[in-house]
Amino acid sequence: MEGLRTLFLAERKLTDEEYDQWEARSADAKRQLVDREEKVAEIDGEIEVGLELIGSTAIEDKLQDEVKDTLQSLKQAGIKVWVLTGDKVETA
């Protein structure tokens, strides 16, 4: 009722070999011309298991000022950022 969106943060340690194998398969899935979204989701789903929950928060579900600057700062700090969006063009 308050228009809040829940965000969960989790982590999982990977060996370099595990990551390299997954990244190669992920890159291949992203190059596909047929069923790309499904293939990418499948590969992502394989690595998103065994995660340890490290935090959660709720944020207002409206566009915020300085989101672009915040995301750029996180990336510059070496933090990998994945953005999951809803079904509306204005929030994507």
PDB file of N, CA and C in Angstrom:
ATOM      1  N   MET A   1       0.821  -1.200   0.000  1.00  0.00           N
ATOM      2  CA  MET A   1       0.000   0.000   0.000  1.00  0.00           C
ATOM      3  C   MET A   1       0.862   1.261   0.000  1.00  0.00           C
ATOM      4  N   GLU A   2       2.105   1.151   0.475  1.00  0.00           N
ATOM      5  CA  GLU A   2       2.986   2.306   0.515  1.00  0.00           C
ATOM      6  C   GLU A   2       3.805   2.458  -0.761  1.00  0.00           C
ATOM      7  N   GLY A   3       3.656   1.524  -1.686  1.00  0.00           N
ATOM      8  CA  GLY A   3       4.415   1.618  -2.926  1.00  0.00           C
ATOM      9  C   GLY A   3       5.882   1.335  -2.738  1.00  0.00           C
ATOM     10  N   LEU A   4       6.213   0.378  -1.889  1.00  0.00           N
ATOM     11  CA  LEU A   4       7.612   0.038  -1.641  1.00  0.00           C
ATOM     12  C   LEU A   4       8.020  -1.176  -2.470  1.00  0.00           C
ATOM     13  N   ARG A   5       9.254  -1.186  -2.896  1.00  0.00           N
ATOM     14  CA  ARG A   5       9.820  -2.307  -3.636  1.00  0.00           C
ATOM     15  C   ARG A   5      10.891  -2.926  -2.751  1.00  0.00           C
ATOM     16  N   THR A   6      10.886  -4.241  -2.630  1.00  0.00           N
ATOM     17  CA  THR A   6      11.858  -4.926  -1.784  1.00  0.00           C
ATOM     18  C   THR A   6      13.072  -5.327  -2.612  1.00  0.00           C
ATOM     19  N   LEU A   7      14.235  -5.074  -2.076  1.00  0.00           N
ATOM     20  CA  LEU A   7      15.491  -5.402  -2.724  1.00  0.00           C
ATOM     21  C   LEU A   7      16.280  -6.308  -1.796  1.00  0.00           C
ATOM     22  N   PHE A   8      16.700  -7.456  -2.312  1.00  0.00           N
ATOM     23  CA  PHE A   8      17.512  -8.387  -1.533  1.00  0.00           C
ATOM     24  C   PHE A   8      18.923  -8.406  -2.101  1.00  0.00           C
ATOM     25  N   LEU A   9      19.903  -8.476  -1.233  1.00  0.00           N
ATOM     26  CA  LEU A   9      21.307  -8.554  -1.622  1.00  0.00           C
ATOM     27  C   LEU A   9      21.851  -9.892  -1.149  1.00  0.00           C
ATOM     28  N   ALA A  10      22.557 -10.586  -2.045  1.00  0.00           N
ATOM     29  CA  ALA A  10      23.105 -11.895  -1.698  1.00  0.00           C
ATOM     30  C   ALA A  10      24.437 -12.074  -2.403  1.00  0.00           C
ATOM     31  N   GLU A  11      25.214 -13.028  -1.909  1.00  0.00           N
ATOM     32  CA  GLU A  11      26.511 -13.286  -2.525  1.00  0.00           C
ATOM     33  C   GLU A  11      26.803 -14.773  -2.541  1.00  0.00           C
ATOM     34  N   ARG A  12      27.734 -15.118  -3.394  1.00  0.00           N
ATOM     35  CA  ARG A  12      28.231 -16.488  -3.478  1.00  0.00           C
ATOM     36  C   ARG A  12      29.651 -16.414  -4.002  1.00  0.00           C
ATOM     37  N   LYS A  13      30.562 -17.086  -3.362  1.00  0.00           N
ATOM     38  CA  LYS A  13      31.951 -17.084  -3.818  1.00  0.00           C
ATOM     39  C   LYS A  13      32.124 -18.127  -4.920  1.00  0.00           C
ATOM     40  N   LEU A  14      32.819 -17.723  -5.984  1.00  0.00           N
ATOM     41  CA  LEU A  14      33.101 -18.603  -7.110  1.00  0.00           C
ATOM     42  C   LEU A  14      34.606 -18.684  -7.315  1.00  0.00           C
ATOM     43  N   THR A  15      35.052 -19.802  -7.817  1.00  0.00           N
ATOM     44  CA  THR A  15      36.450 -19.879  -8.229  1.00  0.00           C
ATOM     45  C   THR A  15      36.566 -19.162  -9.570  1.00  0.00           C
ATOM     46  N   ASP A  16      37.766 -18.814  -9.943  1.00  0.00           N
ATOM     47  CA  ASP A  16      37.983 -18.187 -11.249  1.00  0.00           C
ATOM     48  C   ASP A  16      37.494 -19.101 -12.367  1.00  0.00           C
ATOM     49  N   GLU A  17      37.741 -20.382 -12.219  1.00  0.00           N
ATOM     50  CA  GLU A  17      37.326 -21.355 -13.245  1.00  0.00           C
ATOM     51  C   GLU A  17      35.802 -21.404 -13.362  1.00  0.00           C
ATOM     52  N   GLU A  18      35.098 -21.443 -12.224  1.00  0.00           N
ATOM     53  CA  GLU A  18      33.635 -21.456 -12.253  1.00  0.00           C
ATOM     54  C   GLU A  18      33.097 -20.218 -12.962  1.00  0.00           C
ATOM     55  N   TYR A  19      33.661 -19.061 -12.604  1.00  0.00           N
ATOM     56  CA  TYR A  19      33.195 -17.816 -13.224  1.00  0.00           C
ATOM     57  C   TYR A  19      33.494 -17.797 -14.721  1.00  0.00           C
ATOM     58  N   ASP A  20      34.695 -18.176 -15.110  1.00  0.00           N
ATOM     59  CA  ASP A  20      35.074 -18.158 -16.522  1.00  0.00           C
ATOM     60  C   ASP A  20      34.160 -19.055 -17.357  1.00  0.00           C
ATOM     61  N   GLN A  21      33.842 -20.237 -16.839  1.00  0.00           N
ATOM     62  CA  GLN A  21      32.947 -21.145 -17.564  1.00  0.00           C
ATOM     63  C   GLN A  21      31.554 -20.539 -17.691  1.00  0.00           C
ATOM     64  N   TRP A  22      31.044 -19.993 -16.597  1.00  0.00           N
ATOM     65  CA  TRP A  22      29.718 -19.382 -16.641  1.00  0.00           C
ATOM     66  C   TRP A  22      29.706 -18.164 -17.567  1.00  0.00           C
ATOM     67  N   GLU A  23      30.722 -17.328 -17.485  1.00  0.00           N
ATOM     68  CA  GLU A  23      30.763 -16.098 -18.287  1.00  0.00           C
ATOM     69  C   GLU A  23      30.797 -16.412 -19.778  1.00  0.00           C
ATOM     70  N   ALA A  24      31.520 -17.452 -20.156  1.00  0.00           N
ATOM     71  CA  ALA A  24      31.572 -17.850 -21.568  1.00  0.00           C
ATOM     72  C   ALA A  24      30.193 -18.299 -22.049  1.00  0.00           C
ATOM     73  N   ARG A  25      29.504 -19.081 -21.234  1.00  0.00           N
ATOM     74  CA  ARG A  25      28.154 -19.537 -21.595  1.00  0.00           C
ATOM     75  C   ARG A  25      27.176 -18.366 -21.608  1.00  0.00           C
ATOM     76  N   SER A  26      27.340 -17.433 -20.684  1.00  0.00           N
ATOM     77  CA  SER A  26      26.478 -16.256 -20.626  1.00  0.00           C
ATOM     78  C   SER A  26      26.667 -15.394 -21.869  1.00  0.00           C
ATOM     79  N   ALA A  27      27.911 -15.174 -22.239  1.00  0.00           N
ATOM     80  CA  ALA A  27      28.198 -14.367 -23.436  1.00  0.00           C
ATOM     81  C   ALA A  27      27.609 -15.024 -24.675  1.00  0.00           C
ATOM     82  N   ASP A  28      27.705 -16.343 -24.768  1.00  0.00           N
ATOM     83  CA  ASP A  28      27.142 -17.065 -25.902  1.00  0.00           C
ATOM     84  C   ASP A  28      25.620 -16.905 -25.937  1.00  0.00           C
ATOM     85  N   ALA A  29      24.977 -17.023 -24.789  1.00  0.00           N
ATOM     86  CA  ALA A  29      23.515 -16.878 -24.728  1.00  0.00           C
ATOM     87  C   ALA A  29      23.085 -15.483 -25.163  1.00  0.00           C
ATOM     88  N   LYS A  30      23.860 -14.476 -24.802  1.00  0.00           N
ATOM     89  CA  LYS A  30      23.530 -13.098 -25.158  1.00  0.00           C
ATOM     90  C   LYS A  30      23.691 -12.816 -26.648  1.00  0.00           C
ATOM     91  N   ARG A  31      24.419 -13.665 -27.364  1.00  0.00           N
ATOM     92  CA  ARG A  31      24.606 -13.494 -28.808  1.00  0.00           C
ATOM     93  C   ARG A  31      23.544 -14.214 -29.629  1.00  0.00           C
ATOM     94  N   GLN A  32      22.710 -14.994 -28.972  1.00  0.00           N
ATOM     95  CA  GLN A  32      21.716 -15.777 -29.690  1.00  0.00           C
ATOM     96  C   GLN A  32      20.659 -14.879 -30.325  1.00  0.00           C
ATOM     97  N   LEU A  33      20.197 -15.273 -31.502  1.00  0.00           N
ATOM     98  CA  LEU A  33      19.162 -14.510 -32.204  1.00  0.00           C
ATOM     99  C   LEU A  33      17.768 -15.048 -31.915  1.00  0.00           C
ATOM    100  N   VAL A  34      17.684 -16.302 -31.504  1.00  0.00           N
ATOM    101  CA  VAL A  34      16.397 -16.932 -31.228  1.00  0.00           C
ATOM    102  C   VAL A  34      16.320 -17.263 -29.741  1.00  0.00           C
ATOM    103  N   ASP A  35      15.239 -16.880 -29.110  1.00  0.00           N
ATOM    104  CA  ASP A  35      14.995 -17.175 -27.688  1.00  0.00           C
ATOM    105  C   ASP A  35      16.101 -16.661 -26.780  1.00  0.00           C
ATOM    106  N   ARG A  36      16.664 -15.506 -27.103  1.00  0.00           N
ATOM    107  CA  ARG A  36      17.774 -14.941 -26.332  1.00  0.00           C
ATOM    108  C   ARG A  36      17.405 -14.751 -24.859  1.00  0.00           C
ATOM    109  N   GLU A  37      16.273 -14.117 -24.595  1.00  0.00           N
ATOM    110  CA  GLU A  37      15.904 -13.825 -23.197  1.00  0.00           C
ATOM    111  C   GLU A  37      15.794 -15.098 -22.368  1.00  0.00           C
ATOM    112  N   GLU A  38      15.194 -16.132 -22.943  1.00  0.00           N
ATOM    113  CA  GLU A  38      15.039 -17.387 -22.213  1.00  0.00           C
ATOM    114  C   GLU A  38      16.391 -18.038 -21.944  1.00  0.00           C
ATOM    115  N   LYS A  39      17.282 -18.004 -22.938  1.00  0.00           N
ATOM    116  CA  LYS A  39      18.602 -18.619 -22.774  1.00  0.00           C
ATOM    117  C   LYS A  39      19.440 -17.865 -21.739  1.00  0.00           C
ATOM    118  N   VAL A  40      19.380 -16.541 -21.779  1.00  0.00           N
ATOM    119  CA  VAL A  40      20.115 -15.742 -20.795  1.00  0.00           C
ATOM    120  C   VAL A  40      19.565 -16.015 -19.394  1.00  0.00           C
ATOM    121  N   ALA A  41      18.243 -16.056 -19.269  1.00  0.00           N
ATOM    122  CA  ALA A  41      17.634 -16.317 -17.964  1.00  0.00           C
ATOM    123  C   ALA A  41      18.041 -17.691 -17.430  1.00  0.00           C
ATOM    124  N   GLU A  42      18.117 -18.675 -18.312  1.00  0.00           N
ATOM    125  CA  GLU A  42      18.516 -20.024 -17.890  1.00  0.00           C
ATOM    126  C   GLU A  42      19.951 -20.038 -17.371  1.00  0.00           C
ATOM    127  N   ILE A  43      20.856 -19.395 -18.104  1.00  0.00           N
ATOM    128  CA  ILE A  43      22.265 -19.355 -17.691  1.00  0.00           C
ATOM    129  C   ILE A  43      22.408 -18.567 -16.386  1.00  0.00           C
ATOM    130  N   ASP A  44      21.716 -17.436 -16.285  1.00  0.00           N
ATOM    131  CA  ASP A  44      21.769 -16.650 -15.051  1.00  0.00           C
ATOM    132  C   ASP A  44      21.230 -17.458 -13.873  1.00  0.00           C
ATOM    133  N   GLY A  45      20.160 -18.214 -14.122  1.00  0.00           N
ATOM    134  CA  GLY A  45      19.575 -19.025 -13.067  1.00  0.00           C
ATOM    135  C   GLY A  45      20.527 -20.080 -12.528  1.00  0.00           C
ATOM    136  N   GLU A  46      21.416 -20.553 -13.385  1.00  0.00           N
ATOM    137  CA  GLU A  46      22.372 -21.574 -12.950  1.00  0.00           C
ATOM    138  C   GLU A  46      23.369 -21.032 -11.931  1.00  0.00           C
ATOM    139  N   ILE A  47      23.708 -19.772 -12.050  1.00  0.00           N
ATOM    140  CA  ILE A  47      24.705 -19.201 -11.135  1.00  0.00           C
ATOM    141  C   ILE A  47      24.048 -18.589  -9.897  1.00  0.00           C
ATOM    142  N   GLU A  48      22.766 -18.326  -9.991  1.00  0.00           N
ATOM    143  CA  GLU A  48      22.064 -17.681  -8.881  1.00  0.00           C
ATOM    144  C   GLU A  48      21.472 -18.718  -7.928  1.00  0.00           C
ATOM    145  N   VAL A  49      22.294 -19.664  -7.506  1.00  0.00           N
ATOM    146  CA  VAL A  49      21.899 -20.687  -6.535  1.00  0.00           C
ATOM    147  C   VAL A  49      22.930 -20.712  -5.419  1.00  0.00           C
ATOM    148  N   GLY A  50      22.521 -21.178  -4.271  1.00  0.00           N
ATOM    149  CA  GLY A  50      23.448 -21.279  -3.157  1.00  0.00           C
ATOM    150  C   GLY A  50      23.920 -19.931  -2.647  1.00  0.00           C
ATOM    151  N   LEU A  51      23.094 -18.910  -2.835  1.00  0.00           N
ATOM    152  CA  LEU A  51      23.468 -17.562  -2.410  1.00  0.00           C
ATOM    153  C   LEU A  51      23.261 -17.385  -0.915  1.00  0.00           C
ATOM    154  N   GLU A  52      24.100 -16.581  -0.312  1.00  0.00           N
ATOM    155  CA  GLU A  52      23.948 -16.237   1.098  1.00  0.00           C
ATOM    156  C   GLU A  52      23.347 -14.837   1.181  1.00  0.00           C
ATOM    157  N   LEU A  53      22.200 -14.740   1.821  1.00  0.00           N
ATOM    158  CA  LEU A  53      21.528 -13.447   1.980  1.00  0.00           C
ATOM    159  C   LEU A  53      22.374 -12.553   2.876  1.00  0.00           C
ATOM    160  N   ILE A  54      22.687 -11.355   2.388  1.00  0.00           N
ATOM    161  CA  ILE A  54      23.495 -10.438   3.192  1.00  0.00           C
ATOM    162  C   ILE A  54      22.737  -9.171   3.557  1.00  0.00           C
ATOM    163  N   GLY A  55      21.534  -9.004   3.010  1.00  0.00           N
ATOM    164  CA  GLY A  55      20.753  -7.837   3.394  1.00  0.00           C
ATOM    165  C   GLY A  55      19.510  -7.669   2.554  1.00  0.00           C
ATOM    166  N   SER A  56      18.642  -6.803   3.008  1.00  0.00           N
ATOM    167  CA  SER A  56      17.447  -6.462   2.244  1.00  0.00           C
ATOM    168  C   SER A  56      17.018  -5.054   2.633  1.00  0.00           C
ATOM    169  N   THR A  57      16.260  -4.463   1.770  1.00  0.00           N
ATOM    170  CA  THR A  57      15.764  -3.117   2.014  1.00  0.00           C
ATOM    171  C   THR A  57      14.484  -2.919   1.219  1.00  0.00           C
ATOM    172  N   ALA A  58      13.783  -1.867   1.502  1.00  0.00           N
ATOM    173  CA  ALA A  58      12.602  -1.500   0.726  1.00  0.00           C
ATOM    174  C   ALA A  58      12.794  -0.063   0.270  1.00  0.00           C
ATOM    175  N   ILE A  59      12.471   0.174  -0.964  1.00  0.00           N
ATOM    176  CA  ILE A  59      12.608   1.516  -1.514  1.00  0.00           C
ATOM    177  C   ILE A  59      11.282   1.957  -2.101  1.00  0.00           C
ATOM    178  N   GLU A  60      11.078   3.260  -2.173  1.00  0.00           N
ATOM    179  CA  GLU A  60       9.869   3.779  -2.789  1.00  0.00           C
ATOM    180  C   GLU A  60       9.859   3.393  -4.248  1.00  0.00           C
ATOM    181  N   ASP A  61       8.704   3.057  -4.742  1.00  0.00           N
ATOM    182  CA  ASP A  61       8.575   2.599  -6.120  1.00  0.00           C
ATOM    183  C   ASP A  61       8.261   3.767  -7.047  1.00  0.00           C
ATOM    184  N   LYS A  62       9.173   4.696  -7.118  1.00  0.00           N
ATOM    185  CA  LYS A  62       9.032   5.801  -8.049  1.00  0.00           C
ATOM    186  C   LYS A  62      10.431   6.187  -8.521  1.00  0.00           C
ATOM    187  N   LEU A  63      10.509   6.834  -9.666  1.00  0.00           N
ATOM    188  CA  LEU A  63      11.803   7.239 -10.182  1.00  0.00           C
ATOM    189  C   LEU A  63      12.433   8.243  -9.238  1.00  0.00           C
ATOM    190  N   GLN A  64      13.702   8.071  -8.982  1.00  0.00           N
ATOM    191  CA  GLN A  64      14.413   8.926  -8.054  1.00  0.00           C
ATOM    192  C   GLN A  64      15.430   9.788  -8.790  1.00  0.00           C
ATOM    193  N   ASP A  65      15.669  10.980  -8.274  1.00  0.00           N
ATOM    194  CA  ASP A  65      16.725  11.825  -8.806  1.00  0.00           C
ATOM    195  C   ASP A  65      18.072  11.171  -8.524  1.00  0.00           C
ATOM    196  N   GLU A  66      19.027  11.393  -9.386  1.00  0.00           N
ATOM    197  CA  GLU A  66      20.412  10.966  -9.210  1.00  0.00           C
ATOM    198  C   GLU A  66      20.625   9.452  -9.251  1.00  0.00           C
ATOM    199  N   VAL A  67      19.651   8.685  -9.779  1.00  0.00           N
ATOM    200  CA  VAL A  67      19.836   7.243  -9.888  1.00  0.00           C
ATOM    201  C   VAL A  67      21.027   6.936 -10.787  1.00  0.00           C
ATOM    202  N   LYS A  68      21.120   7.623 -11.914  1.00  0.00           N
ATOM    203  CA  LYS A  68      22.228   7.389 -12.840  1.00  0.00           C
ATOM    204  C   LYS A  68      23.568   7.631 -12.157  1.00  0.00           C
ATOM    205  N   ASP A  69      23.695   8.740 -11.425  1.00  0.00           N
ATOM    206  CA  ASP A  69      24.947   9.049 -10.722  1.00  0.00           C
ATOM    207  C   ASP A  69      25.279   7.989  -9.673  1.00  0.00           C
ATOM    208  N   THR A  70      24.260   7.527  -8.964  1.00  0.00           N
ATOM    209  CA  THR A  70      24.468   6.515  -7.934  1.00  0.00           C
ATOM    210  C   THR A  70      24.970   5.213  -8.547  1.00  0.00           C
ATOM    211  N   LEU A  71      24.336   4.775  -9.643  1.00  0.00           N
ATOM    212  CA  LEU A  71      24.759   3.541 -10.299  1.00  0.00           C
ATOM    213  C   LEU A  71      26.183   3.665 -10.839  1.00  0.00           C
ATOM    214  N   GLN A  72      26.513   4.811 -11.397  1.00  0.00           N
ATOM    215  CA  GLN A  72      27.871   5.019 -11.891  1.00  0.00           C
ATOM    216  C   GLN A  72      28.890   4.958 -10.757  1.00  0.00           C
ATOM    217  N   SER A  73      28.549   5.525  -9.615  1.00  0.00           N
ATOM    218  CA  SER A  73      29.458   5.483  -8.456  1.00  0.00           C
ATOM    219  C   SER A  73      29.669   4.054  -7.974  1.00  0.00           C
ATOM    220  N   LEU A  74      28.600   3.263  -7.943  1.00  0.00           N
ATOM    221  CA  LEU A  74      28.716   1.867  -7.528  1.00  0.00           C
ATOM    222  C   LEU A  74      29.626   1.104  -8.480  1.00  0.00           C
ATOM    223  N   LYS A  75      29.440   1.314  -9.781  1.00  0.00           N
ATOM    224  CA  LYS A  75      30.274   0.631 -10.775  1.00  0.00           C
ATOM    225  C   LYS A  75      31.730   1.059 -10.657  1.00  0.00           C
ATOM    226  N   GLN A  76      31.965   2.347 -10.437  1.00  0.00           N
ATOM    227  CA  GLN A  76      33.341   2.836 -10.287  1.00  0.00           C
ATOM    228  C   GLN A  76      34.010   2.248  -9.049  1.00  0.00           C
ATOM    229  N   ALA A  77      33.206   1.882  -8.058  1.00  0.00           N
ATOM    230  CA  ALA A  77      33.741   1.276  -6.836  1.00  0.00           C
ATOM    231  C   ALA A  77      33.990  -0.219  -7.017  1.00  0.00           C
ATOM    232  N   GLY A  78      33.721  -0.732  -8.236  1.00  0.00           N
ATOM    233  CA  GLY A  78      33.963  -2.144  -8.502  1.00  0.00           C
ATOM    234  C   GLY A  78      32.809  -3.052  -8.131  1.00  0.00           C
ATOM    235  N   ILE A  79      31.642  -2.476  -7.883  1.00  0.00           N
ATOM    236  CA  ILE A  79      30.471  -3.261  -7.517  1.00  0.00           C
ATOM    237  C   ILE A  79      29.689  -3.577  -8.785  1.00  0.00           C
ATOM    238  N   LYS A  80      29.418  -4.871  -9.003  1.00  0.00           N
ATOM    239  CA  LYS A  80      28.643  -5.278 -10.165  1.00  0.00           C
ATOM    240  C   LYS A  80      27.178  -4.963  -9.892  1.00  0.00           C
ATOM    241  N   VAL A  81      26.546  -4.273 -10.814  1.00  0.00           N
ATOM    242  CA  VAL A  81      25.165  -3.823 -10.629  1.00  0.00           C
ATOM    243  C   VAL A  81      24.268  -4.525 -11.638  1.00  0.00           C
ATOM    244  N   TRP A  82      23.235  -5.186 -11.157  1.00  0.00           N
ATOM    245  CA  TRP A  82      22.211  -5.776 -12.008  1.00  0.00           C
ATOM    246  C   TRP A  82      20.924  -5.047 -11.681  1.00  0.00           C
ATOM    247  N   VAL A  83      20.226  -4.599 -12.697  1.00  0.00           N
ATOM    248  CA  VAL A  83      18.986  -3.869 -12.484  1.00  0.00           C
ATOM    249  C   VAL A  83      17.833  -4.715 -13.006  1.00  0.00           C
ATOM    250  N   LEU A  84      16.885  -5.001 -12.154  1.00  0.00           N
ATOM    251  CA  LEU A  84      15.680  -5.720 -12.534  1.00  0.00           C
ATOM    252  C   LEU A  84      14.551  -4.708 -12.591  1.00  0.00           C
ATOM    253  N   THR A  85      13.867  -4.666 -13.711  1.00  0.00           N
ATOM    254  CA  THR A  85      12.825  -3.669 -13.870  1.00  0.00           C
ATOM    255  C   THR A  85      11.452  -4.310 -13.959  1.00  0.00           C
ATOM    256  N   GLY A  86      10.451  -3.484 -13.838  1.00  0.00           N
ATOM    257  CA  GLY A  86       9.078  -3.943 -13.940  1.00  0.00           C
ATOM    258  C   GLY A  86       8.618  -4.008 -15.378  1.00  0.00           C
ATOM    259  N   ASP A  87       7.325  -3.939 -15.550  1.00  0.00           N
ATOM    260  CA  ASP A  87       6.752  -4.102 -16.877  1.00  0.00           C
ATOM    261  C   ASP A  87       6.374  -2.793 -17.547  1.00  0.00           C
ATOM    262  N   LYS A  88       6.761  -1.672 -16.963  1.00  0.00           N
ATOM    263  CA  LYS A  88       6.399  -0.383 -17.528  1.00  0.00           C
ATOM    264  C   LYS A  88       7.617   0.285 -18.133  1.00  0.00           C
ATOM    265  N   VAL A  89       7.447   0.851 -19.324  1.00  0.00           N
ATOM    266  CA  VAL A  89       8.562   1.500 -20.022  1.00  0.00           C
ATOM    267  C   VAL A  89       9.156   2.608 -19.170  1.00  0.00           C
ATOM    268  N   GLU A  90       8.340   3.361 -18.469  1.00  0.00           N
ATOM    269  CA  GLU A  90       8.845   4.498 -17.705  1.00  0.00           C
ATOM    270  C   GLU A  90       9.701   4.088 -16.491  1.00  0.00           C
ATOM    271  N   THR A  91       9.614   2.840 -16.053  1.00  0.00           N
ATOM    272  CA  THR A  91      10.448   2.397 -14.936  1.00  0.00           C
ATOM    273  C   THR A  91      11.602   1.519 -15.393  1.00  0.00           C
ATOM    274  N   ALA A  92      11.674   1.221 -16.648  1.00  0.00           N
ATOM    275  CA  ALA A  92      12.746   0.352 -17.182  1.00  0.00           C
ATOM    276  C   ALA A  92      14.054   1.122 -17.266  1.00  0.00           C
TER     277      ALA A  92
END
